[in-house]
Amino acid sequence: MKWTGVMPAVTTKFTEDDQLDLEMFKTNIRAQLAAGVDGIILGGTLGEASTLSDDEKRILVREAVVVCNGAVPVIINIAEQTTKGAIEAARKAAEDGASGLMMLPPMRYKADARETVTYFKVVAHSTDLPIMVYNNPVDYGIEVTLDMFEELLECENIQAVKESTRDLSNVTRLKNRFGDRLKILCGVDTLALESLLMGADGWVAGLVCAFPEETVTIYKLAKAGRNAEAIQIYRWFLPLLELDINSKLVQNIKLAEVATGIGTENVRAPRLPLIGEERASVLKIIDEGMRTRPELSSYKEEVVG
């Protein structure tokens, strides 16, 4: 695992009768691969993981492994209430062919620093799979501090962080303290380019689900030092990226996937498709983005390709 580049947190596709829509799931992943993403992440918030059964999660991992066929790693998110449950989830992930894990701190119970560190370390010691810690205190209530990372990095397979604290200066703090020992992937779409310019190694992206080529192009331009060009696309993208920092991010992004032809708006209850003024407002943003979508062929082939 290199823990670099663009890694889509893909949505889970459902049929109208609430079954897994594996054909559309595979269609979207193929679009991600064609755009040049560097990994596929399953079972995150965008993946509606809290509504999925264990069997469904395992099916998604197995299907993604087949579609990716070794081209990029397949990573499954672990969001469990118990250490025992997290260990079992890691075991199943390895058995099903996953290449790595993205891990949240314990769910529901607000663990303290000692408990959180112990949770991550026990799970890390139970598996050979590399781990990216998902650090999102805004949404999940527990922050993994730099001192906690100091302890966690005693585990060789804890290798990366999905940085979602919303504190851009945290990228520099992490780099100053840990260098390349801890890879940093921005987990907030609206801070992605800023994080890359400050030295983040990658981008766990949301709107990439609908706009994979644009997302990959921004990343590649930034890493090539072609900042003005990256900023130009990013400014176009920002109104769409803001759909990701919203309680209805799943519905928003699935509507965007419909617009680009690589998804449906089917969600799993208790989520419901958007209606009324809320839907019209989101569609207005998506329609404007589609109308003004940049022509990527104007960027050099070695960057886009």
C-alpha atoms as a PDB file:
ATOM      1  CA  MET A   1       0.000   0.000   0.000  1.00  0.00           C
ATOM      2  CA  LYS A   2       1.372   3.354  -1.052  1.00  0.00           C
ATOM      3  CA  TRP A   3      -1.441   5.446   0.503  1.00  0.00           C
ATOM      4  CA  THR A   4      -1.094   8.114  -2.163  1.00  0.00           C
ATOM      5  CA  GLY A   5      -3.294   9.526  -4.901  1.00  0.00           C
ATOM      6  CA  VAL A   6      -7.051   9.718  -5.255  1.00  0.00           C
ATOM      7  CA  MET A   7      -9.077   7.080  -3.433  1.00  0.00           C
ATOM      8  CA  PRO A   8     -12.842   7.307  -3.993  1.00  0.00           C
ATOM      9  CA  ALA A   9     -15.109   6.558  -1.050  1.00  0.00           C
ATOM     10  CA  VAL A  10     -17.614   4.948  -3.369  1.00  0.00           C
ATOM     11  CA  THR A  11     -21.350   4.917  -2.863  1.00  0.00           C
ATOM     12  CA  THR A  12     -23.252   1.657  -2.515  1.00  0.00           C
ATOM     13  CA  LYS A  13     -25.664   1.161  -5.376  1.00  0.00           C
ATOM     14  CA  PHE A  14     -29.178  -0.141  -4.682  1.00  0.00           C
ATOM     15  CA  THR A  15     -31.997  -1.322  -6.919  1.00  0.00           C
ATOM     16  CA  GLU A  16     -35.473   0.149  -6.585  1.00  0.00           C
ATOM     17  CA  ASP A  17     -36.459  -2.865  -4.463  1.00  0.00           C
ATOM     18  CA  ASP A  18     -33.559  -2.251  -2.050  1.00  0.00           C
ATOM     19  CA  GLN A  19     -31.154  -4.943  -3.192  1.00  0.00           C
ATOM     20  CA  LEU A  20     -27.495  -4.389  -4.028  1.00  0.00           C
ATOM     21  CA  ASP A  21     -27.218  -3.082  -7.591  1.00  0.00           C
ATOM     22  CA  LEU A  22     -23.986  -4.818  -8.461  1.00  0.00           C
ATOM     23  CA  GLU A  23     -24.082  -3.915 -12.144  1.00  0.00           C
ATOM     24  CA  MET A  24     -24.189  -0.178 -11.453  1.00  0.00           C
ATOM     25  CA  PHE A  25     -21.665  -0.653  -8.652  1.00  0.00           C
ATOM     26  CA  LYS A  26     -19.256  -2.222 -11.134  1.00  0.00           C
ATOM     27  CA  THR A  27     -20.026   0.432 -13.760  1.00  0.00           C
ATOM     28  CA  ASN A  28     -18.998   3.158 -11.345  1.00  0.00           C
ATOM     29  CA  ILE A  29     -15.824   1.394 -10.253  1.00  0.00           C
ATOM     30  CA  ARG A  30     -14.801   0.886 -13.880  1.00  0.00           C
ATOM     31  CA  ALA A  31     -15.258   4.625 -14.444  1.00  0.00           C
ATOM     32  CA  GLN A  32     -13.014   5.314 -11.441  1.00  0.00           C
ATOM     33  CA  LEU A  33     -10.344   2.958 -12.748  1.00  0.00           C
ATOM     34  CA  ALA A  34     -10.518   4.471 -16.230  1.00  0.00           C
ATOM     35  CA  ALA A  35      -9.899   7.907 -14.723  1.00  0.00           C
ATOM     36  CA  GLY A  36      -6.766   6.688 -12.962  1.00  0.00           C
ATOM     37  CA  VAL A  37      -7.727   6.530  -9.289  1.00  0.00           C
ATOM     38  CA  ASP A  38      -5.298   4.888  -6.882  1.00  0.00           C
ATOM     39  CA  GLY A  39      -7.623   2.852  -4.678  1.00  0.00           C
ATOM     40  CA  ILE A  40     -11.266   2.022  -3.982  1.00  0.00           C
ATOM     41  CA  ILE A  41     -12.718   2.523  -0.492  1.00  0.00           C
ATOM     42  CA  LEU A  42     -15.900   0.696   0.454  1.00  0.00           C
ATOM     43  CA  GLY A  43     -18.244   0.959   3.402  1.00  0.00           C
ATOM     44  CA  GLY A  44     -17.715   4.536   4.475  1.00  0.00           C
ATOM     45  CA  THR A  45     -20.386   7.128   5.192  1.00  0.00           C
ATOM     46  CA  LEU A  46     -20.991   7.540   1.462  1.00  0.00           C
ATOM     47  CA  GLY A  47     -21.265   3.781   1.202  1.00  0.00           C
ATOM     48  CA  GLU A  48     -24.190   3.832   3.667  1.00  0.00           C
ATOM     49  CA  ALA A  49     -22.247   1.313   5.740  1.00  0.00           C
ATOM     50  CA  SER A  50     -24.504   1.604   8.780  1.00  0.00           C
ATOM     51  CA  THR A  51     -27.377   0.203   6.721  1.00  0.00           C
ATOM     52  CA  LEU A  52     -25.450  -2.718   5.213  1.00  0.00           C
ATOM     53  CA  SER A  53     -25.460  -6.259   6.545  1.00  0.00           C
ATOM     54  CA  ASP A  54     -22.185  -8.093   7.056  1.00  0.00           C
ATOM     55  CA  ASP A  55     -23.024 -10.297   4.093  1.00  0.00           C
ATOM     56  CA  GLU A  56     -23.607  -7.266   1.859  1.00  0.00           C
ATOM     57  CA  LYS A  57     -20.285  -5.733   2.882  1.00  0.00           C
ATOM     58  CA  ARG A  58     -18.529  -8.978   2.048  1.00  0.00           C
ATOM     59  CA  ILE A  59     -20.226  -9.168  -1.346  1.00  0.00           C
ATOM     60  CA  LEU A  60     -19.116  -5.612  -2.155  1.00  0.00           C
ATOM     61  CA  VAL A  61     -15.508  -6.360  -1.219  1.00  0.00           C
ATOM     62  CA  ARG A  62     -15.417  -9.527  -3.293  1.00  0.00           C
ATOM     63  CA  GLU A  63     -17.027  -7.864  -6.304  1.00  0.00           C
ATOM     64  CA  ALA A  64     -14.697  -4.867  -6.108  1.00  0.00           C
ATOM     65  CA  VAL A  65     -11.647  -7.126  -5.879  1.00  0.00           C
ATOM     66  CA  VAL A  66     -12.725  -8.885  -9.067  1.00  0.00           C
ATOM     67  CA  VAL A  67     -13.394  -5.636 -10.950  1.00  0.00           C
ATOM     68  CA  CYS A  68     -10.129  -4.026  -9.834  1.00  0.00           C
ATOM     69  CA  ASN A  69      -8.195  -7.208 -10.627  1.00  0.00           C
ATOM     70  CA  GLY A  70      -5.089  -5.995  -8.841  1.00  0.00           C
ATOM     71  CA  ALA A  71      -4.961  -2.637 -10.632  1.00  0.00           C
ATOM     72  CA  VAL A  72      -5.591  -0.715  -7.401  1.00  0.00           C
ATOM     73  CA  PRO A  73      -6.083  -1.756  -3.774  1.00  0.00           C
ATOM     74  CA  VAL A  74      -9.558  -2.339  -2.367  1.00  0.00           C
ATOM     75  CA  ILE A  75     -10.014  -0.908   1.123  1.00  0.00           C
ATOM     76  CA  ILE A  76     -12.938  -1.540   3.460  1.00  0.00           C
ATOM     77  CA  ASN A  77     -13.976   0.800   6.246  1.00  0.00           C
ATOM     78  CA  ILE A  78     -14.314  -0.593   9.773  1.00  0.00           C
ATOM     79  CA  ALA A  79     -16.819   1.220  11.986  1.00  0.00           C
ATOM     80  CA  GLU A  80     -17.630  -1.090  14.870  1.00  0.00           C
ATOM     81  CA  GLN A  81     -18.912  -0.684  18.408  1.00  0.00           C
ATOM     82  CA  THR A  82     -16.666  -3.339  19.939  1.00  0.00           C
ATOM     83  CA  THR A  83     -13.044  -4.346  19.632  1.00  0.00           C
ATOM     84  CA  LYS A  84     -14.177  -7.922  19.082  1.00  0.00           C
ATOM     85  CA  GLY A  85     -16.390  -6.799  16.205  1.00  0.00           C
ATOM     86  CA  ALA A  86     -13.569  -4.803  14.629  1.00  0.00           C
ATOM     87  CA  ILE A  87     -11.200  -7.780  14.813  1.00  0.00           C
ATOM     88  CA  GLU A  88     -13.787  -9.965  13.134  1.00  0.00           C
ATOM     89  CA  ALA A  89     -14.407  -7.354  10.437  1.00  0.00           C
ATOM     90  CA  ALA A  90     -10.668  -7.194   9.741  1.00  0.00           C
ATOM     91  CA  ARG A  91     -10.511 -10.987   9.485  1.00  0.00           C
ATOM     92  CA  LYS A  92     -13.373 -11.071   6.989  1.00  0.00           C
ATOM     93  CA  ALA A  93     -11.792  -8.277   4.949  1.00  0.00           C
ATOM     94  CA  ALA A  94      -8.554 -10.211   4.581  1.00  0.00           C
ATOM     95  CA  GLU A  95     -10.436 -13.394   3.731  1.00  0.00           C
ATOM     96  CA  ASP A  96     -12.417 -11.578   1.032  1.00  0.00           C
ATOM     97  CA  GLY A  97      -9.330 -10.130  -0.634  1.00  0.00           C
ATOM     98  CA  ALA A  98      -9.204  -6.557   0.668  1.00  0.00           C
ATOM     99  CA  SER A  99      -5.808  -4.865   0.493  1.00  0.00           C
ATOM    100  CA  GLY A 100      -6.245  -2.542   3.453  1.00  0.00           C
ATOM    101  CA  LEU A 101      -8.506  -1.118   6.122  1.00  0.00           C
ATOM    102  CA  MET A 102      -9.815   2.330   6.929  1.00  0.00           C
ATOM    103  CA  MET A 103     -10.707   2.430  10.633  1.00  0.00           C
ATOM    104  CA  LEU A 104     -12.824   4.737  12.722  1.00  0.00           C
ATOM    105  CA  PRO A 105     -12.494   4.878  16.518  1.00  0.00           C
ATOM    106  CA  PRO A 106     -15.111   2.896  18.468  1.00  0.00           C
ATOM    107  CA  MET A 107     -18.653   3.854  17.490  1.00  0.00           C
ATOM    108  CA  ARG A 108     -21.333   5.172  19.867  1.00  0.00           C
ATOM    109  CA  TYR A 109     -19.218   4.950  23.038  1.00  0.00           C
ATOM    110  CA  LYS A 110     -16.994   8.015  23.343  1.00  0.00           C
ATOM    111  CA  ALA A 111     -13.725   6.297  24.224  1.00  0.00           C
ATOM    112  CA  ASP A 112     -10.979   8.282  25.927  1.00  0.00           C
ATOM    113  CA  ALA A 113      -7.439   8.511  24.562  1.00  0.00           C
ATOM    114  CA  ARG A 114      -6.188   5.356  26.286  1.00  0.00           C
ATOM    115  CA  GLU A 115      -9.190   3.332  25.165  1.00  0.00           C
ATOM    116  CA  THR A 116      -8.995   4.636  21.595  1.00  0.00           C
ATOM    117  CA  VAL A 117      -5.292   3.871  21.255  1.00  0.00           C
ATOM    118  CA  THR A 118      -5.797   0.402  22.729  1.00  0.00           C
ATOM    119  CA  TYR A 119      -8.678  -0.267  20.336  1.00  0.00           C
ATOM    120  CA  PHE A 120      -6.618   0.591  17.260  1.00  0.00           C
ATOM    121  CA  LYS A 121      -3.534  -1.280  18.462  1.00  0.00           C
ATOM    122  CA  VAL A 122      -5.389  -4.471  19.365  1.00  0.00           C
ATOM    123  CA  VAL A 123      -7.057  -4.573  15.950  1.00  0.00           C
ATOM    124  CA  ALA A 124      -3.764  -3.752  14.205  1.00  0.00           C
ATOM    125  CA  HIS A 125      -2.027  -6.615  16.015  1.00  0.00           C
ATOM    126  CA  SER A 126      -4.806  -8.978  14.900  1.00  0.00           C
ATOM    127  CA  THR A 127      -4.255  -8.467  11.158  1.00  0.00           C
ATOM    128  CA  ASP A 128      -1.538  -8.138   8.553  1.00  0.00           C
ATOM    129  CA  LEU A 129      -3.586  -5.653   6.543  1.00  0.00           C
ATOM    130  CA  PRO A 130      -2.306  -2.048   6.420  1.00  0.00           C
ATOM    131  CA  ILE A 131      -4.502   0.471   8.208  1.00  0.00           C
ATOM    132  CA  MET A 132      -5.528   4.076   7.596  1.00  0.00           C
ATOM    133  CA  VAL A 133      -6.936   5.750  10.711  1.00  0.00           C
ATOM    134  CA  TYR A 134     -10.034   7.813   9.949  1.00  0.00           C
ATOM    135  CA  ASN A 135      -9.663  10.927  12.112  1.00  0.00           C
ATOM    136  CA  ASN A 136     -12.986  12.787  12.034  1.00  0.00           C
ATOM    137  CA  PRO A 137     -13.783  14.327  15.421  1.00  0.00           C
ATOM    138  CA  VAL A 138     -16.338  16.696  13.893  1.00  0.00           C
ATOM    139  CA  ASP A 139     -18.702  13.918  12.853  1.00  0.00           C
ATOM    140  CA  TYR A 140     -17.712  11.082  15.195  1.00  0.00           C
ATOM    141  CA  GLY A 141     -16.716  12.843  18.406  1.00  0.00           C
ATOM    142  CA  ILE A 142     -13.253  11.360  19.006  1.00  0.00           C
ATOM    143  CA  GLU A 143     -10.031  13.046  17.914  1.00  0.00           C
ATOM    144  CA  VAL A 144      -6.852  11.079  17.376  1.00  0.00           C
ATOM    145  CA  THR A 145      -4.209  13.546  18.521  1.00  0.00           C
ATOM    146  CA  LEU A 146      -0.556  13.690  17.523  1.00  0.00           C
ATOM    147  CA  ASP A 147       0.443  12.144  20.850  1.00  0.00           C
ATOM    148  CA  MET A 148      -1.977   9.288  20.211  1.00  0.00           C
ATOM    149  CA  PHE A 149      -0.495   8.764  16.740  1.00  0.00           C
ATOM    150  CA  GLU A 150       2.928   8.587  18.372  1.00  0.00           C
ATOM    151  CA  GLU A 151       1.736   5.479  20.218  1.00  0.00           C
ATOM    152  CA  LEU A 152      -0.181   4.045  17.285  1.00  0.00           C
ATOM    153  CA  LEU A 153       2.806   4.161  14.966  1.00  0.00           C
ATOM    154  CA  GLU A 154       4.452   1.510  17.113  1.00  0.00           C
ATOM    155  CA  CYS A 155       2.272  -0.773  14.960  1.00  0.00           C
ATOM    156  CA  GLU A 156       3.970  -1.103  11.575  1.00  0.00           C
ATOM    157  CA  ASN A 157       0.701  -1.676   9.756  1.00  0.00           C
ATOM    158  CA  ILE A 158      -0.827   1.601  10.960  1.00  0.00           C
ATOM    159  CA  GLN A 159       0.435   3.626   8.040  1.00  0.00           C
ATOM    160  CA  ALA A 160      -1.912   6.469   7.108  1.00  0.00           C
ATOM    161  CA  VAL A 161      -4.535   8.909   8.310  1.00  0.00           C
ATOM    162  CA  LYS A 162      -7.673  10.147   6.625  1.00  0.00           C
ATOM    163  CA  GLU A 163      -7.353  13.714   7.875  1.00  0.00           C
ATOM    164  CA  SER A 164     -10.847  15.105   8.466  1.00  0.00           C
ATOM    165  CA  THR A 165     -10.331  17.382  11.447  1.00  0.00           C
ATOM    166  CA  ARG A 166     -11.087  20.430   9.237  1.00  0.00           C
ATOM    167  CA  ASP A 167      -7.900  22.015  10.622  1.00  0.00           C
ATOM    168  CA  LEU A 168      -5.714  22.566   7.574  1.00  0.00           C
ATOM    169  CA  SER A 169      -2.650  23.262   9.713  1.00  0.00           C
ATOM    170  CA  ASN A 170      -2.882  19.687  10.999  1.00  0.00           C
ATOM    171  CA  VAL A 171      -1.309  18.531   7.713  1.00  0.00           C
ATOM    172  CA  THR A 172       1.836  20.476   8.576  1.00  0.00           C
ATOM    173  CA  ARG A 173       1.807  19.331  12.204  1.00  0.00           C
ATOM    174  CA  LEU A 174       1.622  15.703  11.126  1.00  0.00           C
ATOM    175  CA  LYS A 175       4.362  16.122   8.520  1.00  0.00           C
ATOM    176  CA  ASN A 176       6.623  17.938  10.979  1.00  0.00           C
ATOM    177  CA  ARG A 177       6.233  15.206  13.575  1.00  0.00           C
ATOM    178  CA  PHE A 178       6.101  12.023  11.535  1.00  0.00           C
ATOM    179  CA  GLY A 179       7.458  12.799   8.078  1.00  0.00           C
ATOM    180  CA  ASP A 180       6.677  10.019   5.607  1.00  0.00           C
ATOM    181  CA  ARG A 181       6.063   7.459   8.376  1.00  0.00           C
ATOM    182  CA  LEU A 182       2.418   8.536   8.388  1.00  0.00           C
ATOM    183  CA  LYS A 183       0.814   9.155   5.013  1.00  0.00           C
ATOM    184  CA  ILE A 184      -1.835  11.867   5.003  1.00  0.00           C
ATOM    185  CA  LEU A 185      -4.949  11.694   2.844  1.00  0.00           C
ATOM    186  CA  CYS A 186      -7.364  14.611   2.974  1.00  0.00           C
ATOM    187  CA  GLY A 187     -10.871  13.455   3.834  1.00  0.00           C
ATOM    188  CA  VAL A 188     -12.727  16.739   3.309  1.00  0.00           C
ATOM    189  CA  ASP A 189     -13.482  17.573  -0.324  1.00  0.00           C
ATOM    190  CA  THR A 190     -13.590  21.332   0.244  1.00  0.00           C
ATOM    191  CA  LEU A 191     -10.069  21.324   1.724  1.00  0.00           C
ATOM    192  CA  ALA A 192      -8.521  18.862  -0.703  1.00  0.00           C
ATOM    193  CA  LEU A 193      -6.426  21.077  -2.943  1.00  0.00           C
ATOM    194  CA  GLU A 194      -5.321  23.182   0.005  1.00  0.00           C
ATOM    195  CA  SER A 195      -4.228  20.019   1.809  1.00  0.00           C
ATOM    196  CA  LEU A 196      -2.351  18.724  -1.243  1.00  0.00           C
ATOM    197  CA  LEU A 197      -0.512  22.020  -1.593  1.00  0.00           C
ATOM    198  CA  MET A 198       0.508  21.749   2.073  1.00  0.00           C
ATOM    199  CA  GLY A 199       1.969  18.299   1.489  1.00  0.00           C
ATOM    200  CA  ALA A 200      -0.866  15.787   1.882  1.00  0.00           C
ATOM    201  CA  ASP A 201      -0.126  12.548   0.058  1.00  0.00           C
ATOM    202  CA  GLY A 202      -3.600  11.810  -1.219  1.00  0.00           C
ATOM    203  CA  TRP A 203      -7.303  12.527  -1.285  1.00  0.00           C
ATOM    204  CA  VAL A 204     -10.119  10.298  -0.011  1.00  0.00           C
ATOM    205  CA  ALA A 205     -12.742  11.896  -2.211  1.00  0.00           C
ATOM    206  CA  GLY A 206     -16.528  12.035  -2.366  1.00  0.00           C
ATOM    207  CA  LEU A 207     -17.584  13.921  -5.507  1.00  0.00           C
ATOM    208  CA  VAL A 208     -15.106  11.744  -7.375  1.00  0.00           C
ATOM    209  CA  CYS A 209     -17.976   9.253  -7.384  1.00  0.00           C
ATOM    210  CA  ALA A 210     -19.592  11.407 -10.078  1.00  0.00           C
ATOM    211  CA  PHE A 211     -16.560  13.266 -11.434  1.00  0.00           C
ATOM    212  CA  PRO A 212     -13.566  10.921 -11.391  1.00  0.00           C
ATOM    213  CA  GLU A 213     -11.572  12.505 -14.229  1.00  0.00           C
ATOM    214  CA  GLU A 214     -11.771  16.012 -12.812  1.00  0.00           C
ATOM    215  CA  THR A 215     -10.738  14.821  -9.352  1.00  0.00           C
ATOM    216  CA  VAL A 216      -7.748  12.873 -10.639  1.00  0.00           C
ATOM    217  CA  THR A 217      -6.692  15.779 -12.855  1.00  0.00           C
ATOM    218  CA  ILE A 218      -6.681  18.209  -9.923  1.00  0.00           C
ATOM    219  CA  TYR A 219      -4.534  15.804  -7.915  1.00  0.00           C
ATOM    220  CA  LYS A 220      -2.061  15.209 -10.737  1.00  0.00           C
ATOM    221  CA  LEU A 221      -1.746  18.896 -11.567  1.00  0.00           C
ATOM    222  CA  ALA A 222      -1.109  19.740  -7.922  1.00  0.00           C
ATOM    223  CA  LYS A 223       1.561  17.060  -7.584  1.00  0.00           C
ATOM    224  CA  ALA A 224       3.178  18.270 -10.825  1.00  0.00           C
ATOM    225  CA  GLY A 225       3.423  21.781  -9.404  1.00  0.00           C
ATOM    226  CA  ARG A 226       0.944  23.124 -11.949  1.00  0.00           C
ATOM    227  CA  ASN A 227      -0.969  24.936  -9.249  1.00  0.00           C
ATOM    228  CA  ALA A 228      -2.665  27.619 -11.333  1.00  0.00           C
ATOM    229  CA  GLU A 229      -4.250  24.981 -13.548  1.00  0.00           C
ATOM    230  CA  ALA A 230      -5.283  22.874 -10.556  1.00  0.00           C
ATOM    231  CA  ILE A 231      -6.866  25.933  -8.945  1.00  0.00           C
ATOM    232  CA  GLN A 232      -8.768  26.726 -12.127  1.00  0.00           C
ATOM    233  CA  ILE A 233     -10.500  23.326 -12.120  1.00  0.00           C
ATOM    234  CA  TYR A 234     -10.925  23.370  -8.350  1.00  0.00           C
ATOM    235  CA  ARG A 235     -12.773  26.689  -8.473  1.00  0.00           C
ATOM    236  CA  TRP A 236     -15.216  25.181 -10.949  1.00  0.00           C
ATOM    237  CA  PHE A 237     -15.533  22.113  -8.712  1.00  0.00           C
ATOM    238  CA  LEU A 238     -16.063  23.831  -5.352  1.00  0.00           C
ATOM    239  CA  PRO A 239     -19.867  24.321  -5.510  1.00  0.00           C
ATOM    240  CA  LEU A 240     -20.154  20.599  -6.257  1.00  0.00           C
ATOM    241  CA  LEU A 241     -17.627  19.669  -3.565  1.00  0.00           C
ATOM    242  CA  GLU A 242     -19.741  21.535  -1.023  1.00  0.00           C
ATOM    243  CA  LEU A 243     -22.464  18.927  -1.602  1.00  0.00           C
ATOM    244  CA  ASP A 244     -20.177  16.571   0.353  1.00  0.00           C
ATOM    245  CA  ILE A 245     -20.162  18.633   3.567  1.00  0.00           C
ATOM    246  CA  ASN A 246     -23.869  18.276   4.207  1.00  0.00           C
ATOM    247  CA  SER A 247     -26.016  15.841   6.171  1.00  0.00           C
ATOM    248  CA  LYS A 248     -27.589  14.742   2.867  1.00  0.00           C
ATOM    249  CA  LEU A 249     -24.224  14.104   1.216  1.00  0.00           C
ATOM    250  CA  VAL A 250     -25.249  10.601   0.126  1.00  0.00           C
ATOM    251  CA  GLN A 251     -28.386  11.795  -1.650  1.00  0.00           C
ATOM    252  CA  ASN A 252     -26.524  14.787  -3.098  1.00  0.00           C
ATOM    253  CA  ILE A 253     -23.688  12.762  -4.548  1.00  0.00           C
ATOM    254  CA  LYS A 254     -25.987  10.072  -5.882  1.00  0.00           C
ATOM    255  CA  LEU A 255     -27.896  12.771  -7.791  1.00  0.00           C
ATOM    256  CA  ALA A 256     -24.588  13.916  -9.248  1.00  0.00           C
ATOM    257  CA  GLU A 257     -23.816  10.317 -10.264  1.00  0.00           C
ATOM    258  CA  VAL A 258     -27.113  10.241 -12.150  1.00  0.00           C
ATOM    259  CA  ALA A 259     -26.114  13.399 -14.025  1.00  0.00           C
ATOM    260  CA  THR A 260     -22.842  11.841 -15.187  1.00  0.00           C
ATOM    261  CA  GLY A 261     -24.408   8.470 -15.970  1.00  0.00           C
ATOM    262  CA  ILE A 262     -22.565   6.320 -13.440  1.00  0.00           C
ATOM    263  CA  GLY A 263     -25.114   5.895 -10.663  1.00  0.00           C
ATOM    264  CA  THR A 264     -28.709   6.031  -9.513  1.00  0.00           C
ATOM    265  CA  GLU A 265     -30.324   8.032  -6.735  1.00  0.00           C
ATOM    266  CA  ASN A 266     -31.611   4.968  -4.883  1.00  0.00           C
ATOM    267  CA  VAL A 267     -30.757   5.139  -1.176  1.00  0.00           C
ATOM    268  CA  ARG A 268     -31.553   2.828   1.714  1.00  0.00           C
ATOM    269  CA  ALA A 269     -34.089   3.855   4.353  1.00  0.00           C
ATOM    270  CA  PRO A 270     -34.150   5.694   6.636  1.00  0.00           C
ATOM    271  CA  ARG A 271     -32.542   7.862   3.956  1.00  0.00           C
ATOM    272  CA  LEU A 272     -34.983   8.978   1.299  1.00  0.00           C
ATOM    273  CA  PRO A 273     -34.388  10.629  -2.082  1.00  0.00           C
ATOM    274  CA  LEU A 274     -34.456  14.410  -2.046  1.00  0.00           C
ATOM    275  CA  ILE A 275     -37.723  16.180  -2.853  1.00  0.00           C
ATOM    276  CA  GLY A 276     -39.099  19.681  -3.299  1.00  0.00           C
ATOM    277  CA  GLU A 277     -36.974  22.794  -2.885  1.00  0.00           C
ATOM    278  CA  GLU A 278     -34.078  20.820  -1.413  1.00  0.00           C
ATOM    279  CA  ARG A 279     -33.869  18.631  -4.506  1.00  0.00           C
ATOM    280  CA  ALA A 280     -34.259  21.602  -6.839  1.00  0.00           C
ATOM    281  CA  SER A 281     -31.435  23.439  -5.067  1.00  0.00           C
ATOM    282  CA  VAL A 282     -29.036  20.503  -5.408  1.00  0.00           C
ATOM    283  CA  LEU A 283     -29.999  19.912  -9.035  1.00  0.00           C
ATOM    284  CA  LYS A 284     -29.349  23.580  -9.814  1.00  0.00           C
ATOM    285  CA  ILE A 285     -25.767  23.207  -8.544  1.00  0.00           C
ATOM    286  CA  ILE A 286     -25.276  19.965 -10.472  1.00  0.00           C
ATOM    287  CA  ASP A 287     -26.795  21.385 -13.670  1.00  0.00           C
ATOM    288  CA  GLU A 288     -24.532  24.439 -13.496  1.00  0.00           C
ATOM    289  CA  GLY A 289     -21.516  22.189 -12.926  1.00  0.00           C
ATOM    290  CA  MET A 290     -22.441  20.078 -15.929  1.00  0.00           C
ATOM    291  CA  ARG A 291     -22.997  23.173 -18.083  1.00  0.00           C
ATOM    292  CA  THR A 292     -19.599  24.654 -17.236  1.00  0.00           C
ATOM    293  CA  ARG A 293     -17.683  21.376 -16.952  1.00  0.00           C
ATOM    294  CA  PRO A 294     -14.040  21.954 -17.969  1.00  0.00           C
ATOM    295  CA  GLU A 295     -12.572  20.430 -21.094  1.00  0.00           C
ATOM    296  CA  LEU A 296      -9.786  18.281 -19.694  1.00  0.00           C
ATOM    297  CA  SER A 297      -8.134  17.659 -23.045  1.00  0.00           C
ATOM    298  CA  SER A 298      -6.704  21.165 -22.751  1.00  0.00           C
ATOM    299  CA  TYR A 299      -4.349  19.787 -20.101  1.00  0.00           C
ATOM    300  CA  LYS A 300      -1.294  17.876 -21.194  1.00  0.00           C
ATOM    301  CA  GLU A 301      -1.785  14.171 -21.742  1.00  0.00           C
ATOM    302  CA  GLU A 302       0.979  13.189 -19.351  1.00  0.00           C
ATOM    303  CA  VAL A 303      -0.939  14.829 -16.506  1.00  0.00           C
ATOM    304  CA  VAL A 304      -4.463  13.748 -17.388  1.00  0.00           C
ATOM    305  CA  GLY A 305      -3.597  10.271 -18.628  1.00  0.00           C
END
